[in-house]
Amino acid sequence: MDYDIKKGWFKNIEGGLLKDLMKEVFGNVSEEGDLLVSSYGVLASIKVKIIAKDKLDIVTTNKTGAMMDADILDSKRKLNVFAEKATGFDAKARMKRAQAKAKKGE
């Protein structure tokens, strides 16, 4: 899913800073071409790619099988922490921006 990056926020993730951020939040990160790949909890993979100075793509894949609610919540919280640090927008702001784009048909 594409996320907007707050104006002027790109300096916080450019170069190797996004990779460092993923390592800090998820504890692991590897590079696969232009993708940064990590995993955490119930998230089998978290693939992140900078599309432009104002766009970040984050794609997640869940593990299969039975999962505990606490693990699901913890993984979701970690993903939200990462998305906020990477984009500069908290979950509420990201949701509002996504809803506004959906109304415009983007």
Protein backbone atom coordinates (compact mmCIF):
# COMPACT_ATOMS: atom_id res chain seq x y z
CA MET A 1 0.00 0.00 0.00
CA ASP A 2 1.27 3.47 -0.87
CA TYR A 3 1.68 5.96 1.96
CA ASP A 4 2.27 9.69 1.66
CA ILE A 5 5.43 11.02 3.24
CA LYS A 6 5.05 14.28 5.14
CA LYS A 7 6.52 17.29 3.35
CA GLY A 8 10.14 17.75 4.40
CA TRP A 9 10.21 14.32 6.13
CA PHE A 10 12.17 12.50 3.41
CA LYS A 11 15.47 13.65 4.93
CA ASN A 12 14.71 11.32 7.86
CA ILE A 13 14.61 8.18 5.67
CA GLU A 14 16.89 8.91 2.69
CA GLY A 15 20.09 7.04 2.07
CA GLY A 16 20.50 4.21 4.56
CA LEU A 17 18.25 5.79 7.18
CA LEU A 18 15.14 3.81 6.20
CA LYS A 19 17.10 0.56 6.48
CA ASP A 20 18.39 1.65 9.90
CA LEU A 21 14.83 2.48 10.97
CA MET A 22 13.55 -0.96 9.92
CA LYS A 23 16.38 -2.63 11.85
CA GLU A 24 15.56 -0.50 14.91
CA VAL A 25 11.81 -1.24 14.85
CA PHE A 26 11.69 -4.85 13.61
CA GLY A 27 15.14 -6.08 14.67
CA ASN A 28 16.08 -7.35 11.21
CA VAL A 29 16.28 -6.13 7.62
CA SER A 30 17.72 -7.31 4.32
CA GLU A 31 17.91 -5.86 0.83
CA GLU A 32 16.34 -7.50 -2.21
CA GLY A 33 17.02 -5.24 -5.16
CA ASP A 34 15.35 -1.92 -4.41
CA LEU A 35 13.21 -3.45 -1.64
CA LEU A 36 13.97 -3.52 2.06
CA VAL A 37 12.58 -6.72 3.58
CA SER A 38 11.93 -7.55 7.21
CA SER A 39 9.65 -9.71 9.33
CA TYR A 40 8.13 -9.40 12.78
CA GLY A 41 5.66 -11.44 14.84
CA VAL A 42 2.76 -12.61 12.67
CA LEU A 43 4.10 -10.65 9.70
CA ALA A 44 6.02 -13.13 7.55
CA SER A 45 7.35 -10.31 5.38
CA ILE A 46 7.35 -6.54 5.40
CA LYS A 47 8.53 -5.15 2.07
CA VAL A 48 9.27 -1.44 1.86
CA LYS A 49 10.21 0.65 -1.16
CA ILE A 50 10.65 4.38 -1.58
CA ILE A 51 8.67 5.37 -4.66
CA ALA A 52 9.37 9.12 -4.53
CA LYS A 53 10.24 11.79 -1.98
CA ASP A 54 6.56 11.92 -1.07
CA LYS A 55 5.56 8.22 -1.45
CA LEU A 56 6.47 5.03 0.38
CA ASP A 57 5.18 1.57 -0.49
CA ILE A 58 4.71 -0.94 2.37
CA VAL A 59 3.48 -4.46 1.58
CA THR A 60 2.97 -7.05 4.32
CA THR A 61 2.34 -10.79 4.21
CA ASN A 62 0.94 -12.61 7.23
CA LYS A 63 2.07 -16.00 8.47
CA THR A 64 -0.43 -18.81 8.04
CA GLY A 65 -1.97 -20.90 10.77
CA ALA A 66 -3.33 -20.12 14.21
CA MET A 67 -2.15 -16.88 15.77
CA MET A 68 -2.64 -15.47 19.23
CA ASP A 69 -4.53 -12.18 19.50
CA ALA A 70 -1.70 -10.65 21.55
CA ASP A 71 0.80 -11.46 18.78
CA ILE A 72 -1.47 -9.96 16.14
CA LEU A 73 -1.91 -6.75 18.14
CA ASP A 74 1.81 -6.48 18.89
CA SER A 75 2.68 -6.91 15.20
CA LYS A 76 0.11 -4.32 14.14
CA ARG A 77 1.43 -1.85 16.73
CA LYS A 78 5.03 -2.34 15.55
CA LEU A 79 3.96 -1.81 11.94
CA ASN A 80 2.17 1.41 12.95
CA VAL A 81 5.25 2.62 14.84
CA PHE A 82 7.37 1.98 11.75
CA ALA A 83 4.89 3.63 9.37
CA GLU A 84 4.70 6.74 11.59
CA LYS A 85 8.48 7.05 11.86
CA ALA A 86 8.90 6.46 8.11
CA THR A 87 6.14 8.79 6.86
CA GLY A 88 5.81 11.42 9.59
CA PHE A 89 2.06 10.76 9.79
CA ASP A 90 0.37 8.91 12.66
CA ALA A 91 -2.24 6.20 12.00
CA LYS A 92 -5.15 8.65 12.21
CA ALA A 93 -3.57 11.04 9.69
CA ARG A 94 -2.68 8.17 7.32
CA MET A 95 -6.29 6.92 7.47
CA LYS A 96 -7.69 10.39 6.74
CA ARG A 97 -5.35 10.82 3.77
CA ALA A 98 -6.30 7.38 2.40
CA GLN A 99 -10.02 8.16 2.76
CA ALA A 100 -9.58 11.51 0.99
CA LYS A 101 -7.78 9.79 -1.90
CA ALA A 102 -10.50 7.12 -2.11
CA LYS A 103 -13.16 9.83 -2.40
CA LYS A 104 -11.20 11.46 -5.23
CA GLY A 105 -10.82 8.07 -6.91
CA GLU A 106 -7.02 7.97 -6.68
